[in-house]
Amino acid sequence: MKKNILIIISILISIVTFSFSQVKNEKVIVTGIISVVGNEPFVYLIIRNEDISYSIVGDMKKTIWNNYQGKKIKVEGIVLERKDIFSSQLKVTKIFKDLYK
């Protein structure tokens, strides 16, 4: 009986976890600070604000890495993968501006 309850609870947790991973191709506009996090060889470029952090991927990653580290910018992009509340990938399609003066 206890084993069956544990199996049911495990299935419910799995369903909830996978419900977060189903958000794909969501277009967003994000304003935040560009940062590099992690240790070699696992270094990630992120845009972070008070609400959420996105790991930047795609063609514009190199441009952002070279020109905007430590700066606050506004970008438009597509959320490619959201594994959970804290881990998302953003493919940047447009950089609006550098918000620091």
PDB file of N, CA and C in Angstrom:
ATOM      1  N   MET A   1       0.812  -1.188   0.000  1.00  0.00           N
ATOM      2  CA  MET A   1       0.000   0.000   0.000  1.00  0.00           C
ATOM      3  C   MET A   1       0.865   1.264   0.000  1.00  0.00           C
ATOM      4  N   LYS A   2       1.879   1.302   0.879  1.00  0.00           N
ATOM      5  CA  LYS A   2       2.764   2.462   0.938  1.00  0.00           C
ATOM      6  C   LYS A   2       3.556   2.610  -0.354  1.00  0.00           C
ATOM      7  N   LYS A   3       3.919   1.490  -0.928  1.00  0.00           N
ATOM      8  CA  LYS A   3       4.678   1.517  -2.177  1.00  0.00           C
ATOM      9  C   LYS A   3       3.827   2.127  -3.296  1.00  0.00           C
ATOM     10  N   ASN A   4       2.550   1.787  -3.355  1.00  0.00           N
ATOM     11  CA  ASN A   4       1.649   2.340  -4.370  1.00  0.00           C
ATOM     12  C   ASN A   4       1.475   3.846  -4.205  1.00  0.00           C
ATOM     13  N   ILE A   5       1.383   4.301  -2.958  1.00  0.00           N
ATOM     14  CA  ILE A   5       1.244   5.737  -2.705  1.00  0.00           C
ATOM     15  C   ILE A   5       2.497   6.474  -3.155  1.00  0.00           C
ATOM     16  N   LEU A   6       3.669   5.905  -2.886  1.00  0.00           N
ATOM     17  CA  LEU A   6       4.920   6.527  -3.329  1.00  0.00           C
ATOM     18  C   LEU A   6       5.006   6.600  -4.851  1.00  0.00           C
ATOM     19  N   ILE A   7       4.548   5.587  -5.521  1.00  0.00           N
ATOM     20  CA  ILE A   7       4.541   5.579  -6.986  1.00  0.00           C
ATOM     21  C   ILE A   7       3.608   6.661  -7.522  1.00  0.00           C
ATOM     22  N   ILE A   8       2.446   6.783  -6.938  1.00  0.00           N
ATOM     23  CA  ILE A   8       1.476   7.806  -7.376  1.00  0.00           C
ATOM     24  C   ILE A   8       2.033   9.205  -7.135  1.00  0.00           C
ATOM     25  N   ILE A   9       2.645   9.428  -5.982  1.00  0.00           N
ATOM     26  CA  ILE A   9       3.243  10.733  -5.684  1.00  0.00           C
ATOM     27  C   ILE A   9       4.369  11.043  -6.657  1.00  0.00           C
ATOM     28  N   SER A  10       5.181  10.041  -6.976  1.00  0.00           N
ATOM     29  CA  SER A  10       6.268  10.234  -7.939  1.00  0.00           C
ATOM     30  C   SER A  10       5.729  10.612  -9.317  1.00  0.00           C
ATOM     31  N   ILE A  11       4.665   9.978  -9.732  1.00  0.00           N
ATOM     32  CA  ILE A  11       4.053  10.290 -11.023  1.00  0.00           C
ATOM     33  C   ILE A  11       3.514  11.715 -11.022  1.00  0.00           C
ATOM     34  N   LEU A  12       2.861  12.126  -9.958  1.00  0.00           N
ATOM     35  CA  LEU A  12       2.326  13.487  -9.873  1.00  0.00           C
ATOM     36  C   LEU A  12       3.444  14.526  -9.909  1.00  0.00           C
ATOM     37  N   ILE A  13       4.526  14.272  -9.211  1.00  0.00           N
ATOM     38  CA  ILE A  13       5.674  15.193  -9.237  1.00  0.00           C
ATOM     39  C   ILE A  13       6.249  15.277 -10.643  1.00  0.00           C
ATOM     40  N   SER A  14       6.343  14.154 -11.333  1.00  0.00           N
ATOM     41  CA  SER A  14       6.843  14.144 -12.707  1.00  0.00           C
ATOM     42  C   SER A  14       5.949  14.961 -13.628  1.00  0.00           C
ATOM     43  N   ILE A  15       4.658  14.834 -13.488  1.00  0.00           N
ATOM     44  CA  ILE A  15       3.709  15.584 -14.321  1.00  0.00           C
ATOM     45  C   ILE A  15       3.877  17.082 -14.097  1.00  0.00           C
ATOM     46  N   VAL A  16       3.984  17.497 -12.841  1.00  0.00           N
ATOM     47  CA  VAL A  16       4.166  18.917 -12.535  1.00  0.00           C
ATOM     48  C   VAL A  16       5.492  19.421 -13.107  1.00  0.00           C
ATOM     49  N   THR A  17       6.550  18.648 -12.959  1.00  0.00           N
ATOM     50  CA  THR A  17       7.856  19.036 -13.486  1.00  0.00           C
ATOM     51  C   THR A  17       7.816  19.182 -15.000  1.00  0.00           C
ATOM     52  N   PHE A  18       7.196  18.248 -15.704  1.00  0.00           N
ATOM     53  CA  PHE A  18       7.127  18.314 -17.155  1.00  0.00           C
ATOM     54  C   PHE A  18       6.219  19.428 -17.640  1.00  0.00           C
ATOM     55  N   SER A  19       5.282  19.863 -16.825  1.00  0.00           N
ATOM     56  CA  SER A  19       4.410  20.966 -17.240  1.00  0.00           C
ATOM     57  C   SER A  19       5.209  22.248 -17.404  1.00  0.00           C
ATOM     58  N   PHE A  20       6.279  22.435 -16.620  1.00  0.00           N
ATOM     59  CA  PHE A  20       7.141  23.601 -16.791  1.00  0.00           C
ATOM     60  C   PHE A  20       7.950  23.502 -18.075  1.00  0.00           C
ATOM     61  N   SER A  21       8.300  22.317 -18.507  1.00  0.00           N
ATOM     62  CA  SER A  21       9.164  22.155 -19.672  1.00  0.00           C
ATOM     63  C   SER A  21       8.405  22.290 -20.993  1.00  0.00           C
ATOM     64  N   GLN A  22       7.106  22.442 -20.959  1.00  0.00           N
ATOM     65  CA  GLN A  22       6.327  22.499 -22.187  1.00  0.00           C
ATOM     66  C   GLN A  22       6.255  23.893 -22.805  1.00  0.00           C
ATOM     67  N   VAL A  23       6.764  24.947 -22.107  1.00  0.00           N
ATOM     68  CA  VAL A  23       6.719  26.301 -22.646  1.00  0.00           C
ATOM     69  C   VAL A  23       7.859  26.447 -23.642  1.00  0.00           C
ATOM     70  N   LYS A  24       7.526  26.569 -24.923  1.00  0.00           N
ATOM     71  CA  LYS A  24       8.532  26.711 -25.965  1.00  0.00           C
ATOM     72  C   LYS A  24       8.066  27.745 -26.974  1.00  0.00           C
ATOM     73  N   ASN A  25       9.043  28.379 -27.612  1.00  0.00           N
ATOM     74  CA  ASN A  25       8.793  29.364 -28.660  1.00  0.00           C
ATOM     75  C   ASN A  25       7.917  30.521 -28.187  1.00  0.00           C
ATOM     76  N   GLU A  26       8.077  30.906 -26.948  1.00  0.00           N
ATOM     77  CA  GLU A  26       7.366  32.040 -26.379  1.00  0.00           C
ATOM     78  C   GLU A  26       8.212  33.292 -26.630  1.00  0.00           C
ATOM     79  N   LYS A  27       7.661  34.285 -27.320  1.00  0.00           N
ATOM     80  CA  LYS A  27       8.388  35.520 -27.614  1.00  0.00           C
ATOM     81  C   LYS A  27       8.276  36.458 -26.422  1.00  0.00           C
ATOM     82  N   VAL A  28       9.434  36.981 -25.969  1.00  0.00           N
ATOM     83  CA  VAL A  28       9.458  37.864 -24.807  1.00  0.00           C
ATOM     84  C   VAL A  28      10.377  39.054 -25.075  1.00  0.00           C
ATOM     85  N   ILE A  29      10.141  40.129 -24.330  1.00  0.00           N
ATOM     86  CA  ILE A  29      11.044  41.273 -24.295  1.00  0.00           C
ATOM     87  C   ILE A  29      11.564  41.344 -22.864  1.00  0.00           C
ATOM     88  N   VAL A  30      12.898  41.351 -22.732  1.00  0.00           N
ATOM     89  CA  VAL A  30      13.531  41.308 -21.412  1.00  0.00           C
ATOM     90  C   VAL A  30      14.473  42.491 -21.266  1.00  0.00           C
ATOM     91  N   THR A  31      14.405  43.153 -20.123  1.00  0.00           N
ATOM     92  CA  THR A  31      15.364  44.188 -19.760  1.00  0.00           C
ATOM     93  C   THR A  31      16.147  43.668 -18.575  1.00  0.00           C
ATOM     94  N   GLY A  32      17.479  43.665 -18.696  1.00  0.00           N
ATOM     95  CA  GLY A  32      18.285  43.154 -17.602  1.00  0.00           C
ATOM     96  C   GLY A  32      19.756  43.398 -17.821  1.00  0.00           C
ATOM     97  N   ILE A  33      20.544  42.929 -16.885  1.00  0.00           N
ATOM     98  CA  ILE A  33      21.999  43.092 -16.917  1.00  0.00           C
ATOM     99  C   ILE A  33      22.628  41.818 -17.480  1.00  0.00           C
ATOM    100  N   ILE A  34      23.579  42.000 -18.390  1.00  0.00           N
ATOM    101  CA  ILE A  34      24.290  40.877 -19.003  1.00  0.00           C
ATOM    102  C   ILE A  34      25.421  40.450 -18.075  1.00  0.00           C
ATOM    103  N   SER A  35      25.472  39.153 -17.753  1.00  0.00           N
ATOM    104  CA  SER A  35      26.491  38.601 -16.865  1.00  0.00           C
ATOM    105  C   SER A  35      27.000  37.282 -17.412  1.00  0.00           C
ATOM    106  N   VAL A  36      28.212  36.932 -16.993  1.00  0.00           N
ATOM    107  CA  VAL A  36      28.774  35.620 -17.301  1.00  0.00           C
ATOM    108  C   VAL A  36      28.834  34.862 -15.986  1.00  0.00           C
ATOM    109  N   VAL A  37      28.274  33.657 -15.971  1.00  0.00           N
ATOM    110  CA  VAL A  37      28.249  32.847 -14.751  1.00  0.00           C
ATOM    111  C   VAL A  37      28.821  31.463 -15.030  1.00  0.00           C
ATOM    112  N   GLY A  38      29.287  30.822 -13.977  1.00  0.00           N
ATOM    113  CA  GLY A  38      29.795  29.464 -14.090  1.00  0.00           C
ATOM    114  C   GLY A  38      31.307  29.422 -14.066  1.00  0.00           C
ATOM    115  N   ASN A  39      31.823  28.218 -14.151  1.00  0.00           N
ATOM    116  CA  ASN A  39      33.260  27.970 -14.184  1.00  0.00           C
ATOM    117  C   ASN A  39      33.593  27.226 -15.464  1.00  0.00           C
ATOM    118  N   GLU A  40      34.784  27.473 -15.983  1.00  0.00           N
ATOM    119  CA  GLU A  40      35.214  26.771 -17.184  1.00  0.00           C
ATOM    120  C   GLU A  40      35.157  25.278 -16.949  1.00  0.00           C
ATOM    121  N   PRO A  41      34.734  24.488 -17.855  1.00  0.00           N
ATOM    122  CA  PRO A  41      34.282  24.789 -19.211  1.00  0.00           C
ATOM    123  C   PRO A  41      32.783  25.067 -19.317  1.00  0.00           C
ATOM    124  N   PHE A  42      32.111  25.241 -18.197  1.00  0.00           N
ATOM    125  CA  PHE A  42      30.659  25.438 -18.190  1.00  0.00           C
ATOM    126  C   PHE A  42      30.326  26.894 -17.865  1.00  0.00           C
ATOM    127  N   VAL A  43      30.579  27.775 -18.825  1.00  0.00           N
ATOM    128  CA  VAL A  43      30.343  29.199 -18.661  1.00  0.00           C
ATOM    129  C   VAL A  43      29.101  29.573 -19.454  1.00  0.00           C
ATOM    130  N   TYR A  44      28.228  30.383 -18.867  1.00  0.00           N
ATOM    131  CA  TYR A  44      26.979  30.771 -19.502  1.00  0.00           C
ATOM    132  C   TYR A  44      26.843  32.280 -19.514  1.00  0.00           C
ATOM    133  N   LEU A  45      26.346  32.808 -20.605  1.00  0.00           N
ATOM    134  CA  LEU A  45      26.007  34.215 -20.717  1.00  0.00           C
ATOM    135  C   LEU A  45      24.531  34.344 -20.379  1.00  0.00           C
ATOM    136  N   ILE A  46      24.220  35.205 -19.409  1.00  0.00           N
ATOM    137  CA  ILE A  46      22.829  35.334 -18.993  1.00  0.00           C
ATOM    138  C   ILE A  46      22.397  36.797 -19.016  1.00  0.00           C
ATOM    139  N   ILE A  47      21.104  36.992 -19.141  1.00  0.00           N
ATOM    140  CA  ILE A  47      20.502  38.292 -18.894  1.00  0.00           C
ATOM    141  C   ILE A  47      19.630  38.104 -17.667  1.00  0.00           C
ATOM    142  N   ARG A  48      19.843  38.976 -16.684  1.00  0.00           N
ATOM    143  CA  ARG A  48      19.204  38.776 -15.384  1.00  0.00           C
ATOM    144  C   ARG A  48      18.506  40.060 -14.953  1.00  0.00           C
ATOM    145  N   ASN A  49      17.271  39.900 -14.457  1.00  0.00           N
ATOM    146  CA  ASN A  49      16.561  41.003 -13.815  1.00  0.00           C
ATOM    147  C   ASN A  49      15.978  40.497 -12.506  1.00  0.00           C
ATOM    148  N   GLU A  50      15.120  41.275 -11.883  1.00  0.00           N
ATOM    149  CA  GLU A  50      14.581  40.888 -10.579  1.00  0.00           C
ATOM    150  C   GLU A  50      13.706  39.643 -10.653  1.00  0.00           C
ATOM    151  N   ASP A  51      13.088  39.396 -11.799  1.00  0.00           N
ATOM    152  CA  ASP A  51      12.113  38.321 -11.916  1.00  0.00           C
ATOM    153  C   ASP A  51      12.711  36.985 -12.332  1.00  0.00           C
ATOM    154  N   ILE A  52      13.595  36.995 -13.345  1.00  0.00           N
ATOM    155  CA  ILE A  52      14.066  35.737 -13.929  1.00  0.00           C
ATOM    156  C   ILE A  52      15.404  35.953 -14.611  1.00  0.00           C
ATOM    157  N   SER A  53      16.130  34.875 -14.798  1.00  0.00           N
ATOM    158  CA  SER A  53      17.378  34.900 -15.558  1.00  0.00           C
ATOM    159  C   SER A  53      17.231  33.982 -16.756  1.00  0.00           C
ATOM    160  N   TYR A  54      17.732  34.423 -17.896  1.00  0.00           N
ATOM    161  CA  TYR A  54      17.729  33.617 -19.104  1.00  0.00           C
ATOM    162  C   TYR A  54      19.162  33.363 -19.539  1.00  0.00           C
ATOM    163  N   SER A  55      19.456  32.150 -19.944  1.00  0.00           N
ATOM    164  CA  SER A  55      20.724  31.825 -20.568  1.00  0.00           C
ATOM    165  C   SER A  55      20.605  32.183 -22.048  1.00  0.00           C
ATOM    166  N   ILE A  56      21.527  33.013 -22.543  1.00  0.00           N
ATOM    167  CA  ILE A  56      21.449  33.488 -23.924  1.00  0.00           C
ATOM    168  C   ILE A  56      22.112  32.477 -24.850  1.00  0.00           C
ATOM    169  N   VAL A  57      21.404  32.122 -25.913  1.00  0.00           N
ATOM    170  CA  VAL A  57      21.910  31.206 -26.937  1.00  0.00           C
ATOM    171  C   VAL A  57      21.625  31.808 -28.309  1.00  0.00           C
ATOM    172  N   GLY A  58      22.234  31.235 -29.335  1.00  0.00           N
ATOM    173  CA  GLY A  58      21.930  31.656 -30.699  1.00  0.00           C
ATOM    174  C   GLY A  58      22.995  32.539 -31.322  1.00  0.00           C
ATOM    175  N   ASP A  59      22.656  33.077 -32.489  1.00  0.00           N
ATOM    176  CA  ASP A  59      23.594  33.831 -33.309  1.00  0.00           C
ATOM    177  C   ASP A  59      24.081  35.126 -32.664  1.00  0.00           C
ATOM    178  N   MET A  60      23.257  35.794 -31.882  1.00  0.00           N
ATOM    179  CA  MET A  60      23.617  37.085 -31.306  1.00  0.00           C
ATOM    180  C   MET A  60      24.388  36.967 -29.994  1.00  0.00           C
ATOM    181  N   LYS A  61      24.620  35.736 -29.538  1.00  0.00           N
ATOM    182  CA  LYS A  61      25.318  35.519 -28.272  1.00  0.00           C
ATOM    183  C   LYS A  61      26.715  36.140 -28.291  1.00  0.00           C
ATOM    184  N   LYS A  62      27.464  35.945 -29.363  1.00  0.00           N
ATOM    185  CA  LYS A  62      28.836  36.460 -29.441  1.00  0.00           C
ATOM    186  C   LYS A  62      28.850  37.988 -29.411  1.00  0.00           C
ATOM    187  N   THR A  63      27.922  38.624 -30.119  1.00  0.00           N
ATOM    188  CA  THR A  63      27.834  40.084 -30.132  1.00  0.00           C
ATOM    189  C   THR A  63      27.545  40.611 -28.727  1.00  0.00           C
ATOM    190  N   ILE A  64      26.603  39.987 -28.049  1.00  0.00           N
ATOM    191  CA  ILE A  64      26.254  40.406 -26.694  1.00  0.00           C
ATOM    192  C   ILE A  64      27.428  40.161 -25.748  1.00  0.00           C
ATOM    193  N   TRP A  65      28.082  39.008 -25.889  1.00  0.00           N
ATOM    194  CA  TRP A  65      29.218  38.660 -25.039  1.00  0.00           C
ATOM    195  C   TRP A  65      30.324  39.710 -25.174  1.00  0.00           C
ATOM    196  N   ASN A  66      30.634  40.105 -26.396  1.00  0.00           N
ATOM    197  CA  ASN A  66      31.745  41.027 -26.641  1.00  0.00           C
ATOM    198  C   ASN A  66      31.422  42.483 -26.315  1.00  0.00           C
ATOM    199  N   ASN A  67      30.170  42.904 -26.444  1.00  0.00           N
ATOM    200  CA  ASN A  67      29.851  44.329 -26.359  1.00  0.00           C
ATOM    201  C   ASN A  67      29.030  44.757 -25.150  1.00  0.00           C
ATOM    202  N   TYR A  68      28.369  43.833 -24.457  1.00  0.00           N
ATOM    203  CA  TYR A  68      27.400  44.243 -23.442  1.00  0.00           C
ATOM    204  C   TYR A  68      27.600  43.647 -22.057  1.00  0.00           C
ATOM    205  N   GLN A  69      28.721  42.982 -21.788  1.00  0.00           N
ATOM    206  CA  GLN A  69      28.927  42.401 -20.458  1.00  0.00           C
ATOM    207  C   GLN A  69      28.879  43.484 -19.394  1.00  0.00           C
ATOM    208  N   GLY A  70      28.096  43.259 -18.350  1.00  0.00           N
ATOM    209  CA  GLY A  70      27.977  44.201 -17.252  1.00  0.00           C
ATOM    210  C   GLY A  70      27.050  45.368 -17.531  1.00  0.00           C
ATOM    211  N   LYS A  71      26.467  45.414 -18.715  1.00  0.00           N
ATOM    212  CA  LYS A  71      25.582  46.510 -19.091  1.00  0.00           C
ATOM    213  C   LYS A  71      24.125  46.087 -19.016  1.00  0.00           C
ATOM    214  N   LYS A  72      23.279  47.063 -18.810  1.00  0.00           N
ATOM    215  CA  LYS A  72      21.839  46.818 -18.782  1.00  0.00           C
ATOM    216  C   LYS A  72      21.298  47.080 -20.177  1.00  0.00           C
ATOM    217  N   ILE A  73      20.672  46.072 -20.774  1.00  0.00           N
ATOM    218  CA  ILE A  73      20.126  46.209 -22.121  1.00  0.00           C
ATOM    219  C   ILE A  73      18.712  45.654 -22.183  1.00  0.00           C
ATOM    220  N   LYS A  74      18.048  45.985 -23.272  1.00  0.00           N
ATOM    221  CA  LYS A  74      16.698  45.483 -23.542  1.00  0.00           C
ATOM    222  C   LYS A  74      16.782  44.651 -24.814  1.00  0.00           C
ATOM    223  N   VAL A  75      16.306  43.414 -24.741  1.00  0.00           N
ATOM    224  CA  VAL A  75      16.370  42.514 -25.887  1.00  0.00           C
ATOM    225  C   VAL A  75      15.015  41.861 -26.130  1.00  0.00           C
ATOM    226  N   GLU A  76      14.831  41.420 -27.358  1.00  0.00           N
ATOM    227  CA  GLU A  76      13.665  40.621 -27.724  1.00  0.00           C
ATOM    228  C   GLU A  76      14.176  39.256 -28.128  1.00  0.00           C
ATOM    229  N   GLY A  77      13.460  38.219 -27.735  1.00  0.00           N
ATOM    230  CA  GLY A  77      13.901  36.887 -28.089  1.00  0.00           C
ATOM    231  C   GLY A  77      12.816  35.859 -27.925  1.00  0.00           C
ATOM    232  N   ILE A  78      13.195  34.631 -28.200  1.00  0.00           N
ATOM    233  CA  ILE A  78      12.272  33.499 -28.129  1.00  0.00           C
ATOM    234  C   ILE A  78      12.776  32.540 -27.058  1.00  0.00           C
ATOM    235  N   VAL A  79      11.894  32.176 -26.131  1.00  0.00           N
ATOM    236  CA  VAL A  79      12.232  31.189 -25.107  1.00  0.00           C
ATOM    237  C   VAL A  79      12.214  29.821 -25.777  1.00  0.00           C
ATOM    238  N   LEU A  80      13.388  29.208 -25.866  1.00  0.00           N
ATOM    239  CA  LEU A  80      13.503  27.913 -26.539  1.00  0.00           C
ATOM    240  C   LEU A  80      13.184  26.758 -25.617  1.00  0.00           C
ATOM    241  N   GLU A  81      13.574  26.891 -24.363  1.00  0.00           N
ATOM    242  CA  GLU A  81      13.412  25.778 -23.438  1.00  0.00           C
ATOM    243  C   GLU A  81      13.249  26.335 -22.039  1.00  0.00           C
ATOM    244  N   ARG A  82      12.288  25.847 -21.330  1.00  0.00           N
ATOM    245  CA  ARG A  82      12.127  26.214 -19.928  1.00  0.00           C
ATOM    246  C   ARG A  82      12.023  24.926 -19.143  1.00  0.00           C
ATOM    247  N   LYS A  83      13.122  24.555 -18.503  1.00  0.00           N
ATOM    248  CA  LYS A  83      13.147  23.302 -17.748  1.00  0.00           C
ATOM    249  C   LYS A  83      12.402  23.431 -16.429  1.00  0.00           C
ATOM    250  N   ASP A  84      12.544  24.562 -15.786  1.00  0.00           N
ATOM    251  CA  ASP A  84      11.831  24.828 -14.547  1.00  0.00           C
ATOM    252  C   ASP A  84      11.752  26.337 -14.364  1.00  0.00           C
ATOM    253  N   ILE A  85      11.325  26.802 -13.230  1.00  0.00           N
ATOM    254  CA  ILE A  85      11.145  28.237 -12.996  1.00  0.00           C
ATOM    255  C   ILE A  85      12.468  28.993 -13.095  1.00  0.00           C
ATOM    256  N   PHE A  86      13.571  28.346 -12.755  1.00  0.00           N
ATOM    257  CA  PHE A  86      14.844  29.036 -12.656  1.00  0.00           C
ATOM    258  C   PHE A  86      15.759  28.835 -13.856  1.00  0.00           C
ATOM    259  N   SER A  87      15.429  28.028 -14.812  1.00  0.00           N
ATOM    260  CA  SER A  87      16.340  27.693 -15.896  1.00  0.00           C
ATOM    261  C   SER A  87      15.649  27.845 -17.243  1.00  0.00           C
ATOM    262  N   SER A  88      16.039  28.856 -18.017  1.00  0.00           N
ATOM    263  CA  SER A  88      15.441  29.087 -19.325  1.00  0.00           C
ATOM    264  C   SER A  88      16.514  29.467 -20.330  1.00  0.00           C
ATOM    265  N   GLN A  89      16.293  29.145 -21.592  1.00  0.00           N
ATOM    266  CA  GLN A  89      17.181  29.558 -22.670  1.00  0.00           C
ATOM    267  C   GLN A  89      16.452  30.575 -23.528  1.00  0.00           C
ATOM    268  N   LEU A  90      17.169  31.646 -23.893  1.00  0.00           N
ATOM    269  CA  LEU A  90      16.596  32.715 -24.694  1.00  0.00           C
ATOM    270  C   LEU A  90      17.434  32.912 -25.942  1.00  0.00           C
ATOM    271  N   LYS A  91      16.807  32.747 -27.106  1.00  0.00           N
ATOM    272  CA  LYS A  91      17.471  33.042 -28.374  1.00  0.00           C
ATOM    273  C   LYS A  91      17.135  34.491 -28.716  1.00  0.00           C
ATOM    274  N   VAL A  92      18.134  35.366 -28.576  1.00  0.00           N
ATOM    275  CA  VAL A  92      17.925  36.796 -28.793  1.00  0.00           C
ATOM    276  C   VAL A  92      17.806  37.058 -30.289  1.00  0.00           C
ATOM    277  N   THR A  93      16.747  37.793 -30.670  1.00  0.00           N
ATOM    278  CA  THR A  93      16.520  38.136 -32.073  1.00  0.00           C
ATOM    279  C   THR A  93      16.737  39.617 -32.347  1.00  0.00           C
ATOM    280  N   LYS A  94      16.691  40.440 -31.277  1.00  0.00           N
ATOM    281  CA  LYS A  94      16.831  41.879 -31.470  1.00  0.00           C
ATOM    282  C   LYS A  94      17.363  42.509 -30.189  1.00  0.00           C
ATOM    283  N   ILE A  95      18.336  43.423 -30.340  1.00  0.00           N
ATOM    284  CA  ILE A  95      18.842  44.199 -29.217  1.00  0.00           C
ATOM    285  C   ILE A  95      18.289  45.607 -29.381  1.00  0.00           C
ATOM    286  N   PHE A  96      17.546  46.079 -28.381  1.00  0.00           N
ATOM    287  CA  PHE A  96      16.948  47.405 -28.478  1.00  0.00           C
ATOM    288  C   PHE A  96      17.942  48.506 -28.168  1.00  0.00           C
ATOM    289  N   LYS A  97      18.570  48.452 -26.976  1.00  0.00           N
ATOM    290  CA  LYS A  97      19.542  49.499 -26.643  1.00  0.00           C
ATOM    291  C   LYS A  97      20.265  49.181 -25.356  1.00  0.00           C
ATOM    292  N   ASP A  98      21.368  49.887 -25.187  1.00  0.00           N
ATOM    293  CA  ASP A  98      22.124  49.888 -23.953  1.00  0.00           C
ATOM    294  C   ASP A  98      21.447  50.906 -23.043  1.00  0.00           C
ATOM    295  N   LEU A  99      21.011  50.513 -21.858  1.00  0.00           N
ATOM    296  CA  LEU A  99      20.253  51.396 -20.987  1.00  0.00           C
ATOM    297  C   LEU A  99      21.114  52.198 -20.030  1.00  0.00           C
ATOM    298  N   TYR A 100      22.424  51.924 -19.957  1.00  0.00           N
ATOM    299  CA  TYR A 100      23.303  52.750 -19.130  1.00  0.00           C
ATOM    300  C   TYR A 100      23.682  54.000 -19.893  1.00  0.00           C
ATOM    301  N   LYS A 101      23.782  55.092 -19.217  1.00  0.00           N
ATOM    302  CA  LYS A 101      24.183  56.361 -19.852  1.00  0.00           C
ATOM    303  C   LYS A 101      25.570  56.710 -19.403  1.00  0.00           C
TER     304      LYS A 101
END
